[in-house]
Amino acid sequence: MTIFIIWLIAFCLIAYFAYQRWNSGVSQGLDKVLPSFLKSHGDNRYLWVITLAVLGATTLVQPVEMLLVVLLLGLIGLGIMALANWAGNKTRH
């Protein structure tokens, strides 16, 4: 129960500060990192604030699990990229 309370407090604080600073830096930072179809313009403000708050709070409470998930997703992404490059080379010949 203590971890849940810590997570909830972290979630609320991160969501509050991300929402308050959305126009002064958070939106521009996301736009630099994300591809064009995921840009943070329009009605996506609340979705991105909640997403950042969930990821931030979970990283604060369970950093090792988040690191392992990021590493696993990175390895899967590299594998898919390698498979796509290999398939693309096979179709050209």
PDB file of N, CA and C in Angstrom:
ATOM      1  N   MET A   1       0.813  -1.191   0.000  1.00  0.00           N
ATOM      2  CA  MET A   1       0.000   0.000   0.000  1.00  0.00           C
ATOM      3  C   MET A   1       0.862   1.264   0.000  1.00  0.00           C
ATOM      4  N   THR A   2       2.007   1.199   0.654  1.00  0.00           N
ATOM      5  CA  THR A   2       2.899   2.357   0.706  1.00  0.00           C
ATOM      6  C   THR A   2       3.423   2.708  -0.677  1.00  0.00           C
ATOM      7  N   ILE A   3       3.777   1.691  -1.452  1.00  0.00           N
ATOM      8  CA  ILE A   3       4.290   1.934  -2.802  1.00  0.00           C
ATOM      9  C   ILE A   3       3.207   2.566  -3.675  1.00  0.00           C
ATOM     10  N   PHE A   4       1.973   2.134  -3.497  1.00  0.00           N
ATOM     11  CA  PHE A   4       0.872   2.729  -4.259  1.00  0.00           C
ATOM     12  C   PHE A   4       0.693   4.199  -3.905  1.00  0.00           C
ATOM     13  N   ILE A   5       0.784   4.533  -2.625  1.00  0.00           N
ATOM     14  CA  ILE A   5       0.646   5.927  -2.192  1.00  0.00           C
ATOM     15  C   ILE A   5       1.787   6.770  -2.769  1.00  0.00           C
ATOM     16  N   ILE A   6       3.010   6.249  -2.742  1.00  0.00           N
ATOM     17  CA  ILE A   6       4.153   6.964  -3.315  1.00  0.00           C
ATOM     18  C   ILE A   6       3.952   7.158  -4.812  1.00  0.00           C
ATOM     19  N   TRP A   7       3.484   6.109  -5.491  1.00  0.00           N
ATOM     20  CA  TRP A   7       3.239   6.194  -6.931  1.00  0.00           C
ATOM     21  C   TRP A   7       2.168   7.239  -7.220  1.00  0.00           C
ATOM     22  N   LEU A   8       1.110   7.253  -6.425  1.00  0.00           N
ATOM     23  CA  LEU A   8       0.010   8.192  -6.635  1.00  0.00           C
ATOM     24  C   LEU A   8       0.465   9.639  -6.427  1.00  0.00           C
ATOM     25  N   ILE A   9       1.269   9.872  -5.394  1.00  0.00           N
ATOM     26  CA  ILE A   9       1.793  11.225  -5.153  1.00  0.00           C
ATOM     27  C   ILE A   9       2.706  11.648  -6.302  1.00  0.00           C
ATOM     28  N   ALA A  10       3.597  10.751  -6.740  1.00  0.00           N
ATOM     29  CA  ALA A  10       4.492  11.069  -7.861  1.00  0.00           C
ATOM     30  C   ALA A  10       3.693  11.334  -9.136  1.00  0.00           C
ATOM     31  N   PHE A  11       2.667  10.533  -9.379  1.00  0.00           N
ATOM     32  CA  PHE A  11       1.816  10.720 -10.555  1.00  0.00           C
ATOM     33  C   PHE A  11       1.168  12.102 -10.535  1.00  0.00           C
ATOM     34  N   CYS A  12       0.587  12.465  -9.399  1.00  0.00           N
ATOM     35  CA  CYS A  12      -0.091  13.759  -9.296  1.00  0.00           C
ATOM     36  C   CYS A  12       0.885  14.921  -9.485  1.00  0.00           C
ATOM     37  N   LEU A  13       2.061  14.835  -8.884  1.00  0.00           N
ATOM     38  CA  LEU A  13       3.040  15.915  -9.021  1.00  0.00           C
ATOM     39  C   LEU A  13       3.558  16.039 -10.445  1.00  0.00           C
ATOM     40  N   ILE A  14       3.880  14.915 -11.056  1.00  0.00           N
ATOM     41  CA  ILE A  14       4.391  14.957 -12.433  1.00  0.00           C
ATOM     42  C   ILE A  14       3.315  15.461 -13.387  1.00  0.00           C
ATOM     43  N   ALA A  15       2.078  15.001 -13.211  1.00  0.00           N
ATOM     44  CA  ALA A  15       0.988  15.461 -14.071  1.00  0.00           C
ATOM     45  C   ALA A  15       0.752  16.961 -13.889  1.00  0.00           C
ATOM     46  N   TYR A  16       0.785  17.431 -12.662  1.00  0.00           N
ATOM     47  CA  TYR A  16       0.562  18.851 -12.394  1.00  0.00           C
ATOM     48  C   TYR A  16       1.645  19.711 -13.056  1.00  0.00           C
ATOM     49  N   PHE A  17       2.911  19.356 -12.839  1.00  0.00           N
ATOM     50  CA  PHE A  17       3.989  20.172 -13.389  1.00  0.00           C
ATOM     51  C   PHE A  17       4.089  20.057 -14.909  1.00  0.00           C
ATOM     52  N   ALA A  18       3.798  18.888 -15.465  1.00  0.00           N
ATOM     53  CA  ALA A  18       3.806  18.757 -16.929  1.00  0.00           C
ATOM     54  C   ALA A  18       2.680  19.586 -17.543  1.00  0.00           C
ATOM     55  N   TYR A  19       1.526  19.594 -16.891  1.00  0.00           N
ATOM     56  CA  TYR A  19       0.399  20.387 -17.391  1.00  0.00           C
ATOM     57  C   TYR A  19       0.688  21.883 -17.288  1.00  0.00           C
ATOM     58  N   GLN A  20       1.289  22.300 -16.184  1.00  0.00           N
ATOM     59  CA  GLN A  20       1.595  23.714 -15.989  1.00  0.00           C
ATOM     60  C   GLN A  20       2.651  24.213 -16.972  1.00  0.00           C
ATOM     61  N   ARG A  21       3.613  23.387 -17.306  1.00  0.00           N
ATOM     62  CA  ARG A  21       4.720  23.807 -18.170  1.00  0.00           C
ATOM     63  C   ARG A  21       4.577  23.288 -19.604  1.00  0.00           C
ATOM     64  N   TRP A  22       3.373  22.933 -19.993  1.00  0.00           N
ATOM     65  CA  TRP A  22       3.158  22.358 -21.315  1.00  0.00           C
ATOM     66  C   TRP A  22       3.601  23.300 -22.421  1.00  0.00           C
ATOM     67  N   ASN A  23       3.170  24.542 -22.387  1.00  0.00           N
ATOM     68  CA  ASN A  23       3.489  25.491 -23.460  1.00  0.00           C
ATOM     69  C   ASN A  23       4.908  26.039 -23.363  1.00  0.00           C
ATOM     70  N   SER A  24       5.537  25.949 -22.202  1.00  0.00           N
ATOM     71  CA  SER A  24       6.862  26.548 -22.044  1.00  0.00           C
ATOM     72  C   SER A  24       8.002  25.547 -22.185  1.00  0.00           C
ATOM     73  N   GLY A  25       7.746  24.336 -22.641  1.00  0.00           N
ATOM     74  CA  GLY A  25       8.873  23.446 -22.856  1.00  0.00           C
ATOM     75  C   GLY A  25       8.542  21.981 -23.039  1.00  0.00           C
ATOM     76  N   VAL A  26       7.499  21.501 -22.392  1.00  0.00           N
ATOM     77  CA  VAL A  26       7.196  20.071 -22.476  1.00  0.00           C
ATOM     78  C   VAL A  26       6.766  19.695 -23.884  1.00  0.00           C
ATOM     79  N   SER A  27       5.905  20.491 -24.481  1.00  0.00           N
ATOM     80  CA  SER A  27       5.419  20.206 -25.835  1.00  0.00           C
ATOM     81  C   SER A  27       6.552  20.249 -26.853  1.00  0.00           C
ATOM     82  N   GLN A  28       7.421  21.250 -26.741  1.00  0.00           N
ATOM     83  CA  GLN A  28       8.536  21.357 -27.682  1.00  0.00           C
ATOM     84  C   GLN A  28       9.509  20.197 -27.510  1.00  0.00           C
ATOM     85  N   GLY A  29       9.729  19.771 -26.275  1.00  0.00           N
ATOM     86  CA  GLY A  29      10.612  18.625 -26.027  1.00  0.00           C
ATOM     87  C   GLY A  29      10.066  17.342 -26.620  1.00  0.00           C
ATOM     88  N   LEU A  30       8.771  17.140 -26.486  1.00  0.00           N
ATOM     89  CA  LEU A  30       8.157  15.954 -27.093  1.00  0.00           C
ATOM     90  C   LEU A  30       8.232  16.007 -28.611  1.00  0.00           C
ATOM     91  N   ASP A  31       7.997  17.184 -29.179  1.00  0.00           N
ATOM     92  CA  ASP A  31       8.011  17.310 -30.632  1.00  0.00           C
ATOM     93  C   ASP A  31       9.383  17.034 -31.230  1.00  0.00           C
ATOM     94  N   LYS A  32      10.443  17.294 -30.475  1.00  0.00           N
ATOM     95  CA  LYS A  32      11.793  17.002 -30.963  1.00  0.00           C
ATOM     96  C   LYS A  32      12.065  15.510 -30.999  1.00  0.00           C
ATOM     97  N   VAL A  33      11.446  14.754 -30.111  1.00  0.00           N
ATOM     98  CA  VAL A  33      11.736  13.330 -29.965  1.00  0.00           C
ATOM     99  C   VAL A  33      10.809  12.461 -30.805  1.00  0.00           C
ATOM    100  N   LEU A  34       9.557  12.865 -30.951  1.00  0.00           N
ATOM    101  CA  LEU A  34       8.545  12.013 -31.582  1.00  0.00           C
ATOM    102  C   LEU A  34       8.515  12.168 -33.094  1.00  0.00           C
ATOM    103  N   PRO A  35       8.093  11.118 -33.807  1.00  0.00           N
ATOM    104  CA  PRO A  35       7.877  11.255 -35.250  1.00  0.00           C
ATOM    105  C   PRO A  35       6.684  12.173 -35.530  1.00  0.00           C
ATOM    106  N   SER A  36       6.540  12.593 -36.780  1.00  0.00           N
ATOM    107  CA  SER A  36       5.563  13.627 -37.122  1.00  0.00           C
ATOM    108  C   SER A  36       4.118  13.228 -36.814  1.00  0.00           C
ATOM    109  N   PHE A  37       3.747  11.965 -36.963  1.00  0.00           N
ATOM    110  CA  PHE A  37       2.359  11.582 -36.739  1.00  0.00           C
ATOM    111  C   PHE A  37       2.010  11.484 -35.256  1.00  0.00           C
ATOM    112  N   LEU A  38       2.994  11.565 -34.375  1.00  0.00           N
ATOM    113  CA  LEU A  38       2.741  11.551 -32.939  1.00  0.00           C
ATOM    114  C   LEU A  38       2.972  12.911 -32.283  1.00  0.00           C
ATOM    115  N   LYS A  39       3.120  13.946 -33.066  1.00  0.00           N
ATOM    116  CA  LYS A  39       3.387  15.272 -32.504  1.00  0.00           C
ATOM    117  C   LYS A  39       2.295  15.657 -31.516  1.00  0.00           C
ATOM    118  N   SER A  40       2.653  16.514 -30.588  1.00  0.00           N
ATOM    119  CA  SER A  40       1.773  16.825 -29.468  1.00  0.00           C
ATOM    120  C   SER A  40       0.860  18.024 -29.716  1.00  0.00           C
ATOM    121  N   HIS A  41       0.493  18.306 -30.945  1.00  0.00           N
ATOM    122  CA  HIS A  41      -0.385  19.428 -31.247  1.00  0.00           C
ATOM    123  C   HIS A  41      -1.845  19.006 -31.119  1.00  0.00           C
ATOM    124  N   GLY A  42      -2.696  19.951 -30.874  1.00  0.00           N
ATOM    125  CA  GLY A  42      -4.128  19.677 -30.850  1.00  0.00           C
ATOM    126  C   GLY A  42      -4.619  19.198 -29.492  1.00  0.00           C
ATOM    127  N   ASP A  43      -5.505  18.220 -29.523  1.00  0.00           N
ATOM    128  CA  ASP A  43      -6.166  17.731 -28.310  1.00  0.00           C
ATOM    129  C   ASP A  43      -5.374  16.663 -27.585  1.00  0.00           C
ATOM    130  N   ASN A  44      -4.132  16.446 -27.974  1.00  0.00           N
ATOM    131  CA  ASN A  44      -3.327  15.395 -27.357  1.00  0.00           C
ATOM    132  C   ASN A  44      -2.687  15.824 -26.040  1.00  0.00           C
ATOM    133  N   ARG A  45      -2.925  17.023 -25.600  1.00  0.00           N
ATOM    134  CA  ARG A  45      -2.258  17.547 -24.402  1.00  0.00           C
ATOM    135  C   ARG A  45      -2.532  16.669 -23.181  1.00  0.00           C
ATOM    136  N   TYR A  46      -3.784  16.359 -22.935  1.00  0.00           N
ATOM    137  CA  TYR A  46      -4.132  15.572 -21.751  1.00  0.00           C
ATOM    138  C   TYR A  46      -3.590  14.144 -21.850  1.00  0.00           C
ATOM    139  N   LEU A  47      -3.644  13.587 -23.031  1.00  0.00           N
ATOM    140  CA  LEU A  47      -3.119  12.231 -23.232  1.00  0.00           C
ATOM    141  C   LEU A  47      -1.624  12.174 -22.943  1.00  0.00           C
ATOM    142  N   TRP A  48      -0.872  13.154 -23.444  1.00  0.00           N
ATOM    143  CA  TRP A  48       0.571  13.160 -23.218  1.00  0.00           C
ATOM    144  C   TRP A  48       0.929  13.468 -21.775  1.00  0.00           C
ATOM    145  N   VAL A  49       0.171  14.330 -21.120  1.00  0.00           N
ATOM    146  CA  VAL A  49       0.435  14.628 -19.709  1.00  0.00           C
ATOM    147  C   VAL A  49       0.220  13.377 -18.865  1.00  0.00           C
ATOM    148  N   ILE A  50      -0.867  12.669 -19.106  1.00  0.00           N
ATOM    149  CA  ILE A  50      -1.139  11.439 -18.350  1.00  0.00           C
ATOM    150  C   ILE A  50      -0.089  10.384 -18.654  1.00  0.00           C
ATOM    151  N   THR A  51       0.292  10.254 -19.921  1.00  0.00           N
ATOM    152  CA  THR A  51       1.313   9.274 -20.290  1.00  0.00           C
ATOM    153  C   THR A  51       2.646   9.574 -19.620  1.00  0.00           C
ATOM    154  N   LEU A  52       3.062  10.821 -19.650  1.00  0.00           N
ATOM    155  CA  LEU A  52       4.316  11.198 -18.997  1.00  0.00           C
ATOM    156  C   LEU A  52       4.250  10.985 -17.492  1.00  0.00           C
ATOM    157  N   ALA A  53       3.106  11.265 -16.895  1.00  0.00           N
ATOM    158  CA  ALA A  53       2.959  11.076 -15.449  1.00  0.00           C
ATOM    159  C   ALA A  53       3.015   9.598 -15.071  1.00  0.00           C
ATOM    160  N   VAL A  54       2.372   8.745 -15.851  1.00  0.00           N
ATOM    161  CA  VAL A  54       2.406   7.303 -15.565  1.00  0.00           C
ATOM    162  C   VAL A  54       3.824   6.764 -15.715  1.00  0.00           C
ATOM    163  N   LEU A  55       4.482   7.120 -16.810  1.00  0.00           N
ATOM    164  CA  LEU A  55       5.853   6.646 -17.024  1.00  0.00           C
ATOM    165  C   LEU A  55       6.814   7.186 -15.969  1.00  0.00           C
ATOM    166  N   GLY A  56       6.672   8.447 -15.624  1.00  0.00           N
ATOM    167  CA  GLY A  56       7.547   9.037 -14.616  1.00  0.00           C
ATOM    168  C   GLY A  56       7.340   8.438 -13.238  1.00  0.00           C
ATOM    169  N   ALA A  57       6.093   8.266 -12.831  1.00  0.00           N
ATOM    170  CA  ALA A  57       5.810   7.696 -11.511  1.00  0.00           C
ATOM    171  C   ALA A  57       6.261   6.246 -11.441  1.00  0.00           C
ATOM    172  N   THR A  58       6.035   5.487 -12.487  1.00  0.00           N
ATOM    173  CA  THR A  58       6.468   4.087 -12.496  1.00  0.00           C
ATOM    174  C   THR A  58       7.983   3.987 -12.483  1.00  0.00           C
ATOM    175  N   THR A  59       8.656   4.883 -13.183  1.00  0.00           N
ATOM    176  CA  THR A  59      10.115   4.885 -13.171  1.00  0.00           C
ATOM    177  C   THR A  59      10.651   5.234 -11.787  1.00  0.00           C
ATOM    178  N   LEU A  60      10.000   6.140 -11.090  1.00  0.00           N
ATOM    179  CA  LEU A  60      10.434   6.487  -9.735  1.00  0.00           C
ATOM    180  C   LEU A  60      10.219   5.336  -8.753  1.00  0.00           C
ATOM    181  N   VAL A  61       9.126   4.601  -8.889  1.00  0.00           N
ATOM    182  CA  VAL A  61       8.792   3.548  -7.933  1.00  0.00           C
ATOM    183  C   VAL A  61       9.489   2.237  -8.278  1.00  0.00           C
ATOM    184  N   GLN A  62       9.560   1.898  -9.567  1.00  0.00           N
ATOM    185  CA  GLN A  62      10.150   0.628  -9.994  1.00  0.00           C
ATOM    186  C   GLN A  62      11.160   0.868 -11.118  1.00  0.00           C
ATOM    187  N   PRO A  63      12.321   1.444 -10.812  1.00  0.00           N
ATOM    188  CA  PRO A  63      13.264   1.805 -11.875  1.00  0.00           C
ATOM    189  C   PRO A  63      13.881   0.602 -12.577  1.00  0.00           C
ATOM    190  N   VAL A  64      14.131  -0.484 -11.864  1.00  0.00           N
ATOM    191  CA  VAL A  64      14.767  -1.647 -12.482  1.00  0.00           C
ATOM    192  C   VAL A  64      13.823  -2.290 -13.488  1.00  0.00           C
ATOM    193  N   GLU A  65      12.555  -2.409 -13.139  1.00  0.00           N
ATOM    194  CA  GLU A  65      11.591  -3.003 -14.064  1.00  0.00           C
ATOM    195  C   GLU A  65      11.436  -2.150 -15.319  1.00  0.00           C
ATOM    196  N   MET A  66      11.415  -0.826 -15.153  1.00  0.00           N
ATOM    197  CA  MET A  66      11.298   0.055 -16.313  1.00  0.00           C
ATOM    198  C   MET A  66      12.529  -0.048 -17.203  1.00  0.00           C
ATOM    199  N   LEU A  67      13.705  -0.139 -16.600  1.00  0.00           N
ATOM    200  CA  LEU A  67      14.928  -0.292 -17.374  1.00  0.00           C
ATOM    201  C   LEU A  67      14.906  -1.589 -18.179  1.00  0.00           C
ATOM    202  N   LEU A  68      14.454  -2.668 -17.560  1.00  0.00           N
ATOM    203  CA  LEU A  68      14.376  -3.940 -18.264  1.00  0.00           C
ATOM    204  C   LEU A  68      13.363  -3.886 -19.401  1.00  0.00           C
ATOM    205  N   VAL A  69      12.234  -3.219 -19.189  1.00  0.00           N
ATOM    206  CA  VAL A  69      11.235  -3.086 -20.249  1.00  0.00           C
ATOM    207  C   VAL A  69      11.798  -2.277 -21.413  1.00  0.00           C
ATOM    208  N   VAL A  70      12.499  -1.190 -21.118  1.00  0.00           N
ATOM    209  CA  VAL A  70      13.090  -0.366 -22.183  1.00  0.00           C
ATOM    210  C   VAL A  70      14.136  -1.169 -22.960  1.00  0.00           C
ATOM    211  N   LEU A  71      14.972  -1.907 -22.248  1.00  0.00           N
ATOM    212  CA  LEU A  71      15.971  -2.740 -22.927  1.00  0.00           C
ATOM    213  C   LEU A  71      15.310  -3.801 -23.792  1.00  0.00           C
ATOM    214  N   LEU A  72      14.274  -4.441 -23.280  1.00  0.00           N
ATOM    215  CA  LEU A  72      13.571  -5.466 -24.049  1.00  0.00           C
ATOM    216  C   LEU A  72      12.914  -4.878 -25.291  1.00  0.00           C
ATOM    217  N   LEU A  73      12.258  -3.725 -25.152  1.00  0.00           N
ATOM    218  CA  LEU A  73      11.642  -3.076 -26.312  1.00  0.00           C
ATOM    219  C   LEU A  73      12.692  -2.639 -27.335  1.00  0.00           C
ATOM    220  N   GLY A  74      13.834  -2.176 -26.856  1.00  0.00           N
ATOM    221  CA  GLY A  74      14.923  -1.811 -27.765  1.00  0.00           C
ATOM    222  C   GLY A  74      15.452  -3.006 -28.545  1.00  0.00           C
ATOM    223  N   LEU A  75      15.637  -4.122 -27.867  1.00  0.00           N
ATOM    224  CA  LEU A  75      16.102  -5.335 -28.550  1.00  0.00           C
ATOM    225  C   LEU A  75      15.081  -5.838 -29.556  1.00  0.00           C
ATOM    226  N   ILE A  76      13.819  -5.802 -29.205  1.00  0.00           N
ATOM    227  CA  ILE A  76      12.769  -6.219 -30.145  1.00  0.00           C
ATOM    228  C   ILE A  76      12.752  -5.283 -31.347  1.00  0.00           C
ATOM    229  N   GLY A  77      12.885  -3.970 -31.107  1.00  0.00           N
ATOM    230  CA  GLY A  77      12.920  -3.009 -32.215  1.00  0.00           C
ATOM    231  C   GLY A  77      14.105  -3.235 -33.133  1.00  0.00           C
ATOM    232  N   LEU A  78      15.284  -3.495 -32.553  1.00  0.00           N
ATOM    233  CA  LEU A  78      16.454  -3.781 -33.387  1.00  0.00           C
ATOM    234  C   LEU A  78      16.268  -5.056 -34.198  1.00  0.00           C
ATOM    235  N   GLY A  79      15.659  -6.056 -33.585  1.00  0.00           N
ATOM    236  CA  GLY A  79      15.387  -7.303 -34.307  1.00  0.00           C
ATOM    237  C   GLY A  79      14.430  -7.093 -35.467  1.00  0.00           C
ATOM    238  N   ILE A  80      13.400  -6.307 -35.264  1.00  0.00           N
ATOM    239  CA  ILE A  80      12.433  -6.026 -36.330  1.00  0.00           C
ATOM    240  C   ILE A  80      13.094  -5.223 -37.444  1.00  0.00           C
ATOM    241  N   MET A  81      13.941  -4.249 -37.069  1.00  0.00           N
ATOM    242  CA  MET A  81      14.648  -3.459 -38.088  1.00  0.00           C
ATOM    243  C   MET A  81      15.580  -4.351 -38.912  1.00  0.00           C
ATOM    244  N   ALA A  82      16.306  -5.243 -38.243  1.00  0.00           N
ATOM    245  CA  ALA A  82      17.214  -6.142 -38.955  1.00  0.00           C
ATOM    246  C   ALA A  82      16.436  -7.068 -39.880  1.00  0.00           C
ATOM    247  N   LEU A  83      15.307  -7.571 -39.413  1.00  0.00           N
ATOM    248  CA  LEU A  83      14.474  -8.453 -40.242  1.00  0.00           C
ATOM    249  C   LEU A  83      13.904  -7.693 -41.438  1.00  0.00           C
ATOM    250  N   ALA A  84      13.482  -6.461 -41.233  1.00  0.00           N
ATOM    251  CA  ALA A  84      12.952  -5.661 -42.337  1.00  0.00           C
ATOM    252  C   ALA A  84      14.040  -5.350 -43.360  1.00  0.00           C
ATOM    253  N   ASN A  85      15.247  -5.019 -42.906  1.00  0.00           N
ATOM    254  CA  ASN A  85      16.354  -4.774 -43.837  1.00  0.00           C
ATOM    255  C   ASN A  85      16.716  -6.030 -44.613  1.00  0.00           C
ATOM    256  N   TRP A  86      16.739  -7.158 -43.940  1.00  0.00           N
ATOM    257  CA  TRP A  86      17.048  -8.420 -44.601  1.00  0.00           C
ATOM    258  C   TRP A  86      15.988  -8.744 -45.642  1.00  0.00           C
ATOM    259  N   ALA A  87      14.704  -8.580 -45.293  1.00  0.00           N
ATOM    260  CA  ALA A  87      13.617  -8.863 -46.243  1.00  0.00           C
ATOM    261  C   ALA A  87      13.656  -7.870 -47.411  1.00  0.00           C
ATOM    262  N   GLY A  88      13.995  -6.616 -47.143  1.00  0.00           N
ATOM    263  CA  GLY A  88      14.092  -5.635 -48.209  1.00  0.00           C
ATOM    264  C   GLY A  88      15.220  -5.964 -49.178  1.00  0.00           C
ATOM    265  N   ASN A  89      16.352  -6.447 -48.668  1.00  0.00           N
ATOM    266  CA  ASN A  89      17.463  -6.834 -49.527  1.00  0.00           C
ATOM    267  C   ASN A  89      17.118  -8.053 -50.365  1.00  0.00           C
ATOM    268  N   LYS A  90      16.349  -8.980 -49.819  1.00  0.00           N
ATOM    269  CA  LYS A  90      15.969 -10.185 -50.555  1.00  0.00           C
ATOM    270  C   LYS A  90      15.002  -9.868 -51.687  1.00  0.00           C
ATOM    271  N   THR A  91      14.123  -8.881 -51.510  1.00  0.00           N
ATOM    272  CA  THR A  91      13.154  -8.566 -52.548  1.00  0.00           C
ATOM    273  C   THR A  91      13.787  -7.777 -53.692  1.00  0.00           C
ATOM    274  N   ARG A  92      14.896  -7.096 -53.462  1.00  0.00           N
ATOM    275  CA  ARG A  92      15.546  -6.333 -54.529  1.00  0.00           C
ATOM    276  C   ARG A  92      16.320  -7.225 -55.478  1.00  0.00           C
ATOM    277  N   HIS A  93      16.719  -8.395 -55.049  1.00  0.00           N
ATOM    278  CA  HIS A  93      17.554  -9.256 -55.893  1.00  0.00           C
ATOM    279  C   HIS A  93      16.753 -10.176 -56.688  1.00  0.00           C
TER     280      HIS A  93
END
